[in-house]
């Protein structure tokens, strides 16, 4: 049987709404790839690198992350985010120290920026990661508050503090989970104080950190 001729009566042009649907309808999730070798990353809990030049996190497959781990190079564009979690139960951060920091929320993290050669303080907010400009006395109180501040690996680890129910928790954590926390807070934040959903998410986040952290015993741990 021969094909029917494509006459006007048999040709349907998409309506305006049909044409726009491809832009307004749900899109498939973007496939994440290793920033070094471009292999697809099926696991959402894959490793991360810090792109020191662009001040950004980059995704990495295990072989590429392990290769950078083995080289141990402190310089270069990419640095692997390590996986250690440490807790300092003997830290010296208290209510007075926190007041000197003048952080408007109950969470802050510090990391050593190798490009600036100094500590940087960031806290989660509805607008994302917000930098706090601290005075020299406040910076010294951070350095004196815990020996964890002295063993941070520049760019890839952070000193994470939480003020909650009259006490302060102090951890050394991978830098990528701090930005994960920032993203989670940005999605759930409501009102002036964050709201019940954000507080519950924060509790769950710190429960995970608490469960993974080992007590710091000095040295590299």
N, C-alpha and C. Protein backbone atom coordinates (compact mmCIF):
# COMPACT_ATOMS: atom_id res chain seq x y z
N UNK A 1 0.85 -1.18 0.00
CA UNK A 1 0.00 0.00 0.00
C UNK A 1 0.89 1.23 0.00
N UNK A 2 0.58 2.15 -0.89
CA UNK A 2 1.39 3.37 -0.97
C UNK A 2 1.02 4.32 0.14
N UNK A 3 1.95 5.14 0.47
CA UNK A 3 1.70 6.11 1.53
C UNK A 3 0.75 7.17 1.06
N UNK A 4 -0.05 7.67 1.99
CA UNK A 4 -0.98 8.73 1.66
C UNK A 4 -0.22 10.03 1.45
N UNK A 5 -0.67 10.84 0.54
CA UNK A 5 -0.01 12.12 0.34
C UNK A 5 -0.16 13.01 1.55
N UNK A 6 0.86 13.78 1.80
CA UNK A 6 0.85 14.65 2.99
C UNK A 6 0.13 15.94 2.65
N UNK A 7 -1.18 15.87 2.59
CA UNK A 7 -1.97 17.05 2.30
C UNK A 7 -2.20 17.86 3.55
N UNK A 8 -2.74 19.08 3.40
CA UNK A 8 -2.96 19.96 4.54
C UNK A 8 -3.88 19.35 5.59
N UNK A 9 -4.90 18.55 5.07
CA UNK A 9 -5.84 17.98 6.02
C UNK A 9 -5.20 16.91 6.90
N UNK A 10 -4.03 16.37 6.51
CA UNK A 10 -3.38 15.32 7.29
C UNK A 10 -2.15 15.82 8.03
N UNK A 11 -1.85 17.08 7.98
CA UNK A 11 -0.69 17.63 8.66
C UNK A 11 -1.15 18.47 9.83
N UNK A 12 -0.77 18.08 11.07
CA UNK A 12 -1.19 18.79 12.28
C UNK A 12 -0.02 19.59 12.82
N UNK A 13 -0.20 20.88 12.89
CA UNK A 13 0.83 21.73 13.47
C UNK A 13 0.63 21.78 14.98
N UNK A 14 1.71 21.71 15.79
CA UNK A 14 1.56 21.77 17.24
C UNK A 14 1.02 23.13 17.65
N UNK A 15 0.11 23.11 18.62
CA UNK A 15 -0.41 24.36 19.17
C UNK A 15 0.67 25.06 19.96
N UNK A 16 0.40 26.34 20.30
CA UNK A 16 1.38 27.10 21.09
C UNK A 16 1.64 26.44 22.42
N UNK A 17 0.55 25.93 23.05
CA UNK A 17 0.73 25.30 24.37
C UNK A 17 1.51 24.01 24.26
N UNK A 18 1.27 23.24 23.15
CA UNK A 18 2.03 22.01 22.96
C UNK A 18 3.50 22.30 22.71
N UNK A 19 3.77 23.38 21.98
CA UNK A 19 5.15 23.72 21.69
C UNK A 19 5.92 24.15 22.92
N UNK A 20 5.22 24.82 23.83
CA UNK A 20 5.88 25.29 25.04
C UNK A 20 6.03 24.20 26.09
N UNK A 21 5.28 23.10 25.94
CA UNK A 21 5.31 22.07 26.98
C UNK A 21 6.71 21.51 27.18
N UNK A 22 7.48 21.43 26.09
CA UNK A 22 8.82 20.86 26.25
C UNK A 22 9.71 21.74 27.12
N UNK A 23 9.33 23.02 27.31
CA UNK A 23 10.10 23.90 28.17
C UNK A 23 9.55 23.94 29.59
N UNK A 24 8.22 23.72 29.72
CA UNK A 24 7.59 23.83 31.04
C UNK A 24 7.43 22.49 31.74
N UNK A 25 7.48 21.40 30.99
CA UNK A 25 7.32 20.09 31.59
C UNK A 25 8.56 19.66 32.34
N UNK A 26 8.45 18.62 33.18
CA UNK A 26 9.60 18.15 33.94
C UNK A 26 10.71 17.65 33.04
N UNK A 27 11.93 18.01 33.40
CA UNK A 27 13.09 17.59 32.61
C UNK A 27 13.79 16.44 33.31
N UNK A 28 14.40 15.55 32.54
CA UNK A 28 15.16 14.47 33.18
C UNK A 28 16.31 15.04 33.98
N UNK A 29 16.67 14.38 35.09
CA UNK A 29 17.78 14.89 35.89
C UNK A 29 19.08 14.92 35.10
N UNK A 30 19.85 15.95 35.32
CA UNK A 30 21.12 16.09 34.62
C UNK A 30 22.10 15.03 35.09
N UNK A 31 22.74 14.36 34.15
CA UNK A 31 23.72 13.33 34.48
C UNK A 31 25.02 13.98 34.95
N UNK A 32 25.45 13.61 36.15
CA UNK A 32 26.70 14.17 36.65
C UNK A 32 27.87 13.34 36.15
N UNK A 33 28.95 14.03 35.82
CA UNK A 33 30.15 13.37 35.30
C UNK A 33 31.38 13.84 36.07
N UNK A 34 32.38 12.98 36.07
CA UNK A 34 33.66 13.33 36.68
C UNK A 34 34.26 14.52 35.94
N UNK A 35 34.72 15.52 36.70
CA UNK A 35 35.28 16.72 36.10
C UNK A 35 36.65 16.47 35.45
N UNK A 36 37.28 15.34 35.78
CA UNK A 36 38.61 15.05 35.24
C UNK A 36 38.57 14.13 34.04
N UNK A 37 37.76 13.06 34.10
CA UNK A 37 37.76 12.09 33.00
C UNK A 37 36.42 11.98 32.29
N UNK A 38 35.40 12.68 32.78
CA UNK A 38 34.08 12.76 32.15
C UNK A 38 33.27 11.47 32.23
N UNK A 39 33.67 10.49 33.03
CA UNK A 39 32.89 9.27 33.17
C UNK A 39 31.61 9.60 33.95
N UNK A 40 30.46 8.97 33.60
CA UNK A 40 29.23 9.21 34.35
C UNK A 40 29.36 8.77 35.81
N UNK A 41 28.68 9.48 36.69
CA UNK A 41 28.73 9.19 38.12
C UNK A 41 27.35 8.72 38.58
N UNK A 42 27.15 7.40 38.68
CA UNK A 42 25.83 6.89 39.03
C UNK A 42 25.46 7.09 40.49
N UNK A 43 26.45 7.23 41.36
CA UNK A 43 26.19 7.31 42.80
C UNK A 43 26.15 8.78 43.21
N UNK A 44 25.03 9.18 43.83
CA UNK A 44 24.92 10.58 44.26
C UNK A 44 25.87 10.92 45.40
N UNK A 45 26.43 9.90 46.06
CA UNK A 45 27.39 10.13 47.14
C UNK A 45 28.82 10.02 46.64
N UNK A 46 29.07 10.44 45.43
CA UNK A 46 30.41 10.36 44.87
C UNK A 46 31.35 11.35 45.55
N UNK A 47 32.64 11.21 45.24
CA UNK A 47 33.66 12.07 45.82
C UNK A 47 33.60 13.46 45.19
N UNK A 48 34.20 14.42 45.91
CA UNK A 48 34.28 15.79 45.39
C UNK A 48 35.72 16.29 45.43
N UNK A 49 35.99 17.22 44.55
CA UNK A 49 37.26 17.95 44.51
C UNK A 49 36.97 19.42 44.75
N UNK A 50 37.96 20.13 45.25
CA UNK A 50 37.88 21.59 45.29
C UNK A 50 38.68 22.13 44.12
N UNK A 51 38.00 22.89 43.28
CA UNK A 51 38.65 23.60 42.19
C UNK A 51 39.19 24.90 42.78
N UNK A 52 40.47 24.90 43.12
CA UNK A 52 41.06 26.03 43.85
C UNK A 52 41.05 27.30 43.00
N UNK A 53 41.25 27.16 41.69
CA UNK A 53 41.30 28.34 40.83
C UNK A 53 39.95 29.04 40.75
N UNK A 54 38.87 28.25 40.66
CA UNK A 54 37.54 28.82 40.49
C UNK A 54 36.75 28.89 41.79
N UNK A 55 37.35 28.44 42.90
CA UNK A 55 36.68 28.45 44.20
C UNK A 55 35.34 27.74 44.11
N UNK A 56 35.38 26.49 43.63
CA UNK A 56 34.14 25.74 43.43
C UNK A 56 34.39 24.27 43.71
N UNK A 57 33.29 23.54 44.00
CA UNK A 57 33.36 22.11 44.16
C UNK A 57 33.17 21.45 42.80
N UNK A 58 33.90 20.36 42.56
CA UNK A 58 33.79 19.60 41.33
C UNK A 58 33.57 18.13 41.67
N UNK A 59 32.78 17.45 40.86
CA UNK A 59 32.50 16.03 41.09
C UNK A 59 33.65 15.17 40.56
N UNK A 60 33.85 14.01 41.18
CA UNK A 60 34.95 13.13 40.77
C UNK A 60 34.56 11.67 40.95
N UNK A 61 35.04 10.83 40.05
CA UNK A 61 34.90 9.38 40.22
C UNK A 61 35.95 8.90 41.22
N UNK A 62 35.75 7.69 41.74
CA UNK A 62 36.69 7.17 42.73
C UNK A 62 38.12 7.05 42.21
N UNK A 63 38.34 6.51 40.99
CA UNK A 63 39.73 6.39 40.52
C UNK A 63 40.45 7.73 40.43
N UNK A 64 39.78 8.76 39.94
CA UNK A 64 40.44 10.08 39.83
C UNK A 64 40.70 10.66 41.22
N UNK A 65 39.73 10.51 42.13
CA UNK A 65 39.93 11.03 43.48
C UNK A 65 41.07 10.30 44.18
N UNK A 66 41.14 8.98 43.98
CA UNK A 66 42.21 8.20 44.60
C UNK A 66 43.56 8.56 44.01
N UNK A 67 43.60 8.87 42.71
CA UNK A 67 44.85 9.27 42.08
C UNK A 67 45.37 10.56 42.70
N UNK A 68 44.48 11.53 42.91
CA UNK A 68 44.90 12.78 43.55
C UNK A 68 45.30 12.54 45.00
N UNK A 69 44.60 11.61 45.67
CA UNK A 69 44.97 11.26 47.05
C UNK A 69 46.39 10.72 47.11
N UNK A 70 46.74 9.85 46.16
CA UNK A 70 48.06 9.22 46.19
C UNK A 70 49.18 10.22 45.91
N UNK A 71 48.90 11.19 45.05
CA UNK A 71 49.94 12.17 44.76
C UNK A 71 50.21 13.04 45.97
N UNK A 72 49.13 13.32 46.74
CA UNK A 72 49.30 14.11 47.96
C UNK A 72 49.80 15.51 47.70
N UNK A 73 49.63 16.01 46.51
CA UNK A 73 50.16 17.33 46.16
C UNK A 73 49.35 18.43 46.83
N UNK A 74 49.99 19.34 47.59
CA UNK A 74 49.26 20.43 48.23
C UNK A 74 48.95 21.57 47.28
N UNK A 75 49.45 21.51 46.06
CA UNK A 75 49.22 22.57 45.09
C UNK A 75 48.54 21.99 43.86
N UNK A 76 48.19 22.84 42.91
CA UNK A 76 47.49 22.40 41.72
C UNK A 76 46.05 22.88 41.75
N UNK A 77 45.39 22.75 40.60
CA UNK A 77 44.03 23.28 40.50
C UNK A 77 43.04 22.50 41.35
N UNK A 78 43.13 21.15 41.34
CA UNK A 78 42.15 20.32 42.04
C UNK A 78 42.77 19.68 43.29
N UNK A 79 41.99 19.66 44.35
CA UNK A 79 42.38 18.96 45.58
C UNK A 79 41.22 18.09 46.03
N UNK A 80 41.51 16.85 46.39
CA UNK A 80 40.47 15.93 46.81
C UNK A 80 39.95 16.28 48.20
N UNK A 81 38.63 16.28 48.34
CA UNK A 81 38.03 16.49 49.66
C UNK A 81 38.18 15.21 50.47
N UNK A 82 38.87 15.24 51.60
CA UNK A 82 39.05 14.02 52.40
C UNK A 82 37.75 13.65 53.12
N UNK A 83 37.77 12.51 53.78
CA UNK A 83 36.55 12.03 54.41
C UNK A 83 36.59 11.95 55.92
N UNK A 84 37.54 12.65 56.56
CA UNK A 84 37.63 12.50 58.02
C UNK A 84 36.65 13.44 58.73
N UNK A 85 36.10 12.91 59.84
CA UNK A 85 35.22 13.65 60.73
C UNK A 85 35.81 13.55 62.14
N UNK A 86 36.08 14.68 62.75
CA UNK A 86 36.65 14.70 64.09
C UNK A 86 35.79 15.56 65.01
N UNK A 87 35.74 15.15 66.26
CA UNK A 87 34.99 15.88 67.28
C UNK A 87 35.94 16.30 68.39
N UNK A 88 35.82 17.54 68.84
CA UNK A 88 36.65 18.01 69.95
C UNK A 88 35.74 18.30 71.14
N UNK A 89 35.48 17.29 72.00
CA UNK A 89 34.61 17.52 73.15
C UNK A 89 35.23 18.44 74.19
N UNK A 90 36.54 18.68 74.11
CA UNK A 90 37.22 19.52 75.09
C UNK A 90 37.45 20.94 74.56
N UNK A 91 36.73 21.34 73.53
CA UNK A 91 36.93 22.67 72.96
C UNK A 91 36.57 23.77 73.97
N UNK A 92 36.99 24.98 73.66
CA UNK A 92 36.78 26.09 74.58
C UNK A 92 35.81 27.14 74.02
N UNK A 93 34.94 26.72 73.12
CA UNK A 93 33.90 27.62 72.63
C UNK A 93 32.73 27.63 73.61
N UNK A 94 32.35 28.81 74.06
CA UNK A 94 31.22 28.93 74.97
C UNK A 94 30.31 30.06 74.50
N UNK A 95 29.32 30.40 75.31
CA UNK A 95 28.37 31.44 74.93
C UNK A 95 29.07 32.78 74.68
N UNK A 96 30.04 33.10 75.51
CA UNK A 96 30.75 34.37 75.36
C UNK A 96 31.54 34.41 74.04
N UNK A 97 32.18 33.30 73.72
CA UNK A 97 32.91 33.21 72.46
C UNK A 97 31.97 33.40 71.28
N UNK A 98 30.83 32.74 71.35
CA UNK A 98 29.87 32.85 70.26
C UNK A 98 29.38 34.29 70.10
N UNK A 99 29.14 34.97 71.18
CA UNK A 99 28.69 36.35 71.09
C UNK A 99 29.73 37.23 70.40
N UNK A 100 31.01 36.95 70.65
CA UNK A 100 32.06 37.73 70.00
C UNK A 100 32.11 37.49 68.50
N UNK A 101 31.69 36.29 68.07
CA UNK A 101 31.68 35.98 66.65
C UNK A 101 30.60 36.77 65.90
N UNK A 102 29.53 37.12 66.59
CA UNK A 102 28.42 37.90 66.00
C UNK A 102 27.83 37.20 64.79
N UNK A 103 27.62 35.90 64.92
CA UNK A 103 26.98 35.13 63.86
C UNK A 103 25.47 35.15 64.12
N UNK A 104 24.65 35.59 63.17
CA UNK A 104 23.23 35.76 63.43
C UNK A 104 22.41 34.46 63.48
N UNK A 105 23.01 33.34 63.09
CA UNK A 105 22.32 32.05 63.16
C UNK A 105 23.13 31.11 64.06
N UNK A 106 22.61 29.89 64.25
CA UNK A 106 23.26 28.98 65.18
C UNK A 106 24.32 28.07 64.59
N UNK A 107 24.73 28.31 63.34
CA UNK A 107 25.71 27.45 62.68
C UNK A 107 26.70 28.32 61.92
N UNK A 108 27.98 27.95 61.98
CA UNK A 108 29.01 28.63 61.20
C UNK A 108 30.11 27.63 60.89
N UNK A 109 30.77 27.79 59.73
CA UNK A 109 31.93 26.96 59.45
C UNK A 109 33.07 27.84 58.96
N UNK A 110 34.28 27.40 59.31
CA UNK A 110 35.51 28.12 58.98
C UNK A 110 36.40 27.21 58.13
N UNK A 111 37.05 27.78 57.13
CA UNK A 111 38.05 27.01 56.38
C UNK A 111 39.20 27.93 56.00
N UNK A 112 40.35 27.31 55.76
CA UNK A 112 41.53 28.07 55.35
C UNK A 112 41.52 28.23 53.84
N UNK A 113 41.41 29.47 53.40
CA UNK A 113 41.45 29.78 51.98
C UNK A 113 42.90 29.98 51.58
N UNK A 114 43.43 29.06 50.76
CA UNK A 114 44.85 29.13 50.42
C UNK A 114 45.17 30.34 49.55
N UNK A 115 44.20 30.78 48.73
CA UNK A 115 44.45 31.96 47.89
C UNK A 115 44.55 33.23 48.72
N UNK A 116 43.72 33.33 49.77
CA UNK A 116 43.75 34.50 50.65
C UNK A 116 44.73 34.32 51.80
N UNK A 117 45.14 33.06 52.04
CA UNK A 117 46.05 32.74 53.15
C UNK A 117 45.47 33.16 54.49
N UNK A 118 44.21 32.84 54.71
CA UNK A 118 43.57 33.15 55.99
C UNK A 118 42.31 32.31 56.15
N UNK A 119 41.76 32.32 57.37
CA UNK A 119 40.50 31.67 57.61
C UNK A 119 39.35 32.49 57.02
N UNK A 120 38.32 31.79 56.57
CA UNK A 120 37.10 32.41 56.07
C UNK A 120 35.94 31.84 56.88
N UNK A 121 35.01 32.69 57.30
CA UNK A 121 33.85 32.27 58.07
C UNK A 121 32.60 32.40 57.22
N UNK A 122 31.81 31.32 57.12
CA UNK A 122 30.57 31.31 56.36
C UNK A 122 29.46 30.70 57.21
N UNK A 123 28.24 31.18 57.00
CA UNK A 123 27.10 30.59 57.69
C UNK A 123 25.94 30.47 56.72
N UNK A 124 25.06 29.45 56.92
CA UNK A 124 23.91 29.27 56.02
C UNK A 124 22.87 30.35 56.23
N UNK A 125 22.20 30.74 55.15
CA UNK A 125 21.15 31.74 55.21
C UNK A 125 20.18 31.48 54.06
N UNK A 126 19.03 32.15 54.03
CA UNK A 126 18.10 31.95 52.92
C UNK A 126 18.71 32.31 51.58
N UNK A 127 19.75 33.13 51.57
CA UNK A 127 20.41 33.53 50.32
C UNK A 127 21.58 32.62 49.95
N UNK A 128 21.87 31.61 50.77
CA UNK A 128 23.01 30.74 50.51
C UNK A 128 24.10 30.93 51.53
N UNK A 129 25.34 30.62 51.16
CA UNK A 129 26.47 30.79 52.08
C UNK A 129 26.81 32.27 52.20
N UNK A 130 26.79 32.78 53.43
CA UNK A 130 27.05 34.19 53.68
C UNK A 130 28.34 34.33 54.48
N UNK A 131 29.23 35.18 54.00
CA UNK A 131 30.50 35.37 54.69
C UNK A 131 30.37 36.37 55.83
N UNK A 132 31.02 36.06 56.94
CA UNK A 132 31.04 36.95 58.10
C UNK A 132 32.40 37.60 58.20
N UNK A 133 32.40 38.92 58.28
CA UNK A 133 33.65 39.67 58.43
C UNK A 133 33.97 39.78 59.92
N UNK A 134 34.94 39.01 60.38
CA UNK A 134 35.27 39.00 61.79
C UNK A 134 36.46 39.90 62.10
N UNK A 135 36.45 40.45 63.30
CA UNK A 135 37.59 41.24 63.75
C UNK A 135 38.71 40.31 64.19
N UNK A 136 39.92 40.86 64.29
CA UNK A 136 41.09 40.04 64.61
C UNK A 136 40.94 39.33 65.95
N UNK A 137 40.29 39.97 66.91
CA UNK A 137 40.10 39.34 68.22
C UNK A 137 39.19 38.12 68.10
N UNK A 138 38.16 38.23 67.24
CA UNK A 138 37.26 37.11 67.04
C UNK A 138 37.96 35.95 66.35
N UNK A 139 38.81 36.28 65.35
CA UNK A 139 39.57 35.23 64.69
C UNK A 139 40.46 34.49 65.68
N UNK A 140 41.08 35.24 66.58
CA UNK A 140 41.96 34.60 67.56
C UNK A 140 41.19 33.69 68.49
N UNK A 141 39.95 34.07 68.80
CA UNK A 141 39.14 33.21 69.66
C UNK A 141 38.80 31.89 68.96
N UNK A 142 38.69 31.92 67.64
CA UNK A 142 38.46 30.69 66.89
C UNK A 142 39.70 29.81 66.93
N UNK A 143 40.86 30.41 66.69
CA UNK A 143 42.12 29.66 66.70
C UNK A 143 42.41 29.08 68.07
N UNK A 144 42.06 29.83 69.11
CA UNK A 144 42.31 29.37 70.48
C UNK A 144 41.24 28.42 70.99
N UNK A 145 40.09 28.37 70.29
CA UNK A 145 38.96 27.59 70.80
C UNK A 145 39.12 26.10 70.70
N UNK A 146 39.90 25.64 69.72
CA UNK A 146 40.07 24.21 69.53
C UNK A 146 41.34 23.94 68.72
N UNK A 147 42.08 22.89 69.06
CA UNK A 147 43.25 22.52 68.23
C UNK A 147 42.86 22.03 66.84
N UNK A 148 41.57 21.74 66.64
CA UNK A 148 41.13 21.34 65.31
C UNK A 148 41.37 22.44 64.28
N UNK A 149 41.34 23.69 64.73
CA UNK A 149 41.57 24.81 63.81
C UNK A 149 42.97 24.77 63.24
N UNK A 150 43.91 24.17 63.96
CA UNK A 150 45.31 24.15 63.51
C UNK A 150 45.61 23.00 62.57
N UNK A 151 44.73 21.99 62.51
CA UNK A 151 45.01 20.81 61.68
C UNK A 151 44.12 20.75 60.45
N UNK A 152 43.35 21.80 60.20
CA UNK A 152 42.52 21.84 58.99
C UNK A 152 43.38 21.78 57.74
N UNK A 153 42.98 20.96 56.78
CA UNK A 153 43.62 20.98 55.48
C UNK A 153 43.01 22.13 54.69
N UNK A 154 43.87 23.02 54.19
CA UNK A 154 43.40 24.21 53.49
C UNK A 154 42.47 23.85 52.35
N UNK A 155 41.40 24.60 52.22
CA UNK A 155 40.43 24.54 51.12
C UNK A 155 39.48 23.35 51.18
N UNK A 156 39.86 22.25 51.78
CA UNK A 156 39.07 21.02 51.65
C UNK A 156 38.43 20.55 52.95
N UNK A 157 38.77 21.15 54.09
CA UNK A 157 38.16 20.79 55.37
C UNK A 157 37.68 22.06 56.07
N UNK A 158 36.73 21.87 56.99
CA UNK A 158 36.15 23.02 57.68
C UNK A 158 36.00 22.72 59.17
N UNK A 159 36.07 23.77 59.97
CA UNK A 159 35.72 23.70 61.38
C UNK A 159 34.26 24.11 61.49
N UNK A 160 33.42 23.18 61.88
CA UNK A 160 31.97 23.38 61.90
C UNK A 160 31.50 23.52 63.34
N UNK A 161 30.83 24.64 63.64
CA UNK A 161 30.32 24.91 64.98
C UNK A 161 28.81 25.05 64.95
N UNK A 162 28.17 24.53 65.99
CA UNK A 162 26.73 24.73 66.15
C UNK A 162 26.43 25.15 67.59
N UNK A 163 25.71 26.23 67.72
CA UNK A 163 25.23 26.67 69.03
C UNK A 163 23.79 26.20 69.17
N UNK A 164 23.56 25.37 70.20
CA UNK A 164 22.23 24.75 70.34
C UNK A 164 21.97 24.42 71.81
N UNK A 165 20.83 24.91 72.30
CA UNK A 165 20.39 24.62 73.67
C UNK A 165 21.46 24.92 74.70
N UNK A 166 22.09 26.10 74.56
CA UNK A 166 23.03 26.57 75.57
C UNK A 166 24.43 26.00 75.49
N UNK A 167 24.73 25.22 74.46
CA UNK A 167 26.07 24.68 74.32
C UNK A 167 26.52 24.76 72.88
N UNK A 168 27.83 24.59 72.66
CA UNK A 168 28.40 24.67 71.32
C UNK A 168 29.04 23.33 70.98
N UNK A 169 28.74 22.81 69.80
CA UNK A 169 29.38 21.60 69.29
C UNK A 169 30.47 22.02 68.31
N UNK A 170 31.55 21.23 68.25
CA UNK A 170 32.72 21.59 67.44
C UNK A 170 33.22 20.35 66.70
N UNK A 171 33.28 20.45 65.37
CA UNK A 171 33.70 19.33 64.53
C UNK A 171 34.65 19.80 63.42
N UNK A 172 35.52 18.90 63.01
CA UNK A 172 36.27 19.05 61.76
C UNK A 172 35.60 18.13 60.76
N UNK A 173 35.21 18.69 59.60
CA UNK A 173 34.43 17.92 58.62
C UNK A 173 34.92 18.22 57.21
N UNK A 174 34.55 17.37 56.23
CA UNK A 174 34.84 17.69 54.82
C UNK A 174 34.09 18.95 54.40
N UNK A 175 34.71 19.78 53.60
CA UNK A 175 34.10 21.06 53.21
C UNK A 175 32.82 20.86 52.40
N UNK A 176 32.72 19.75 51.65
CA UNK A 176 31.54 19.60 50.79
C UNK A 176 30.26 19.43 51.58
N UNK A 177 30.34 18.82 52.78
CA UNK A 177 29.09 18.65 53.53
C UNK A 177 28.61 19.99 54.10
N UNK A 178 29.51 20.94 54.28
CA UNK A 178 29.10 22.27 54.73
C UNK A 178 28.27 22.96 53.66
N UNK A 179 28.69 22.82 52.41
CA UNK A 179 27.91 23.41 51.33
C UNK A 179 26.63 22.62 51.08
N UNK A 180 26.66 21.31 51.37
CA UNK A 180 25.42 20.54 51.32
C UNK A 180 24.43 21.08 52.34
N UNK A 181 24.92 21.39 53.55
CA UNK A 181 24.05 21.95 54.58
C UNK A 181 23.49 23.30 54.14
N UNK A 182 24.32 24.13 53.54
CA UNK A 182 23.87 25.44 53.05
C UNK A 182 22.72 25.25 52.06
N UNK A 183 22.87 24.31 51.14
CA UNK A 183 21.82 24.06 50.16
C UNK A 183 20.54 23.56 50.79
N UNK A 184 20.67 22.68 51.77
CA UNK A 184 19.48 22.15 52.45
C UNK A 184 18.76 23.25 53.20
N UNK A 185 19.49 24.11 53.88
CA UNK A 185 18.86 25.20 54.62
C UNK A 185 18.19 26.19 53.68
N UNK A 186 18.79 26.41 52.54
CA UNK A 186 18.20 27.36 51.58
C UNK A 186 16.86 26.84 51.06
N UNK A 187 16.74 25.52 50.90
CA UNK A 187 15.50 24.94 50.40
C UNK A 187 14.40 24.92 51.44
N UNK A 188 14.75 24.73 52.71
CA UNK A 188 13.72 24.54 53.74
C UNK A 188 13.48 25.77 54.60
N UNK A 189 14.32 26.81 54.48
CA UNK A 189 14.23 27.98 55.37
C UNK A 189 12.90 28.71 55.17
N UNK A 190 12.25 29.02 56.31
CA UNK A 190 11.03 29.81 56.30
C UNK A 190 11.05 30.81 57.44
N UNK A 191 10.58 32.03 57.17
CA UNK A 191 10.47 33.03 58.21
C UNK A 191 11.81 33.53 58.71
N UNK A 192 11.78 34.13 59.90
CA UNK A 192 12.99 34.75 60.45
C UNK A 192 13.98 33.73 61.00
N UNK A 193 13.47 32.68 61.66
CA UNK A 193 14.36 31.73 62.33
C UNK A 193 14.54 30.42 61.59
N UNK A 194 14.03 30.32 60.37
CA UNK A 194 14.19 29.10 59.59
C UNK A 194 12.97 28.21 59.57
N UNK A 195 12.22 28.18 60.68
CA UNK A 195 11.01 27.37 60.73
C UNK A 195 11.28 25.95 61.21
N UNK A 196 10.19 25.23 61.48
CA UNK A 196 10.28 23.90 62.07
C UNK A 196 10.96 22.90 61.14
N UNK A 197 10.67 22.97 59.84
CA UNK A 197 11.26 22.01 58.90
C UNK A 197 12.77 22.18 58.83
N UNK A 198 13.24 23.43 58.77
CA UNK A 198 14.68 23.67 58.70
C UNK A 198 15.36 23.22 59.99
N UNK A 199 14.73 23.47 61.14
CA UNK A 199 15.33 23.03 62.41
C UNK A 199 15.41 21.52 62.49
N UNK A 200 14.37 20.82 62.03
CA UNK A 200 14.39 19.36 62.04
C UNK A 200 15.48 18.83 61.12
N UNK A 201 15.62 19.46 59.95
CA UNK A 201 16.65 19.04 59.00
C UNK A 201 18.04 19.28 59.58
N UNK A 202 18.20 20.39 60.30
CA UNK A 202 19.48 20.70 60.94
C UNK A 202 19.81 19.68 62.01
N UNK A 203 18.81 19.29 62.80
CA UNK A 203 19.02 18.26 63.82
C UNK A 203 19.46 16.95 63.18
N UNK A 204 18.81 16.57 62.09
CA UNK A 204 19.16 15.32 61.41
C UNK A 204 20.57 15.39 60.84
N UNK A 205 20.93 16.52 60.28
CA UNK A 205 22.26 16.69 59.71
C UNK A 205 23.33 16.52 60.79
N UNK A 206 23.17 17.18 61.93
CA UNK A 206 24.18 17.09 62.98
C UNK A 206 24.17 15.73 63.66
N UNK A 207 23.05 15.04 63.66
CA UNK A 207 23.05 13.67 64.18
C UNK A 207 23.94 12.79 63.32
N UNK A 208 23.92 12.99 61.99
CA UNK A 208 24.79 12.23 61.09
C UNK A 208 26.26 12.57 61.34
N UNK A 209 26.55 13.86 61.48
CA UNK A 209 27.93 14.28 61.74
C UNK A 209 28.42 13.69 63.06
N UNK A 210 27.59 13.78 64.07
CA UNK A 210 27.95 13.27 65.39
C UNK A 210 28.24 11.78 65.34
N UNK A 211 27.46 11.06 64.54
CA UNK A 211 27.64 9.61 64.44
C UNK A 211 28.91 9.21 63.71
N UNK A 212 29.42 10.07 62.83
CA UNK A 212 30.62 9.74 62.06
C UNK A 212 31.91 10.25 62.69
N UNK A 213 31.80 11.22 63.58
CA UNK A 213 33.00 11.88 64.10
C UNK A 213 33.69 11.06 65.18
N UNK A 214 35.02 11.02 65.11
CA UNK A 214 35.85 10.43 66.15
C UNK A 214 36.40 11.53 67.04
N UNK A 215 36.63 11.20 68.30
CA UNK A 215 37.22 12.17 69.21
C UNK A 215 38.64 12.49 68.78
N UNK A 216 38.97 13.76 68.77
CA UNK A 216 40.29 14.19 68.34
C UNK A 216 41.30 13.92 69.45
N UNK A 217 42.41 13.26 69.06
CA UNK A 217 43.44 12.94 70.05
C UNK A 217 44.76 13.61 69.79
N UNK A 218 44.76 14.66 68.93
CA UNK A 218 46.01 15.32 68.59
C UNK A 218 46.63 14.72 67.35
N UNK A 219 47.52 15.44 66.74
CA UNK A 219 48.18 14.97 65.53
C UNK A 219 47.25 14.97 64.35
N UNK A 220 47.53 14.12 63.36
CA UNK A 220 46.74 14.08 62.14
C UNK A 220 45.45 13.30 62.30
N UNK A 221 45.35 12.40 63.26
CA UNK A 221 44.16 11.57 63.45
C UNK A 221 43.73 10.90 62.17
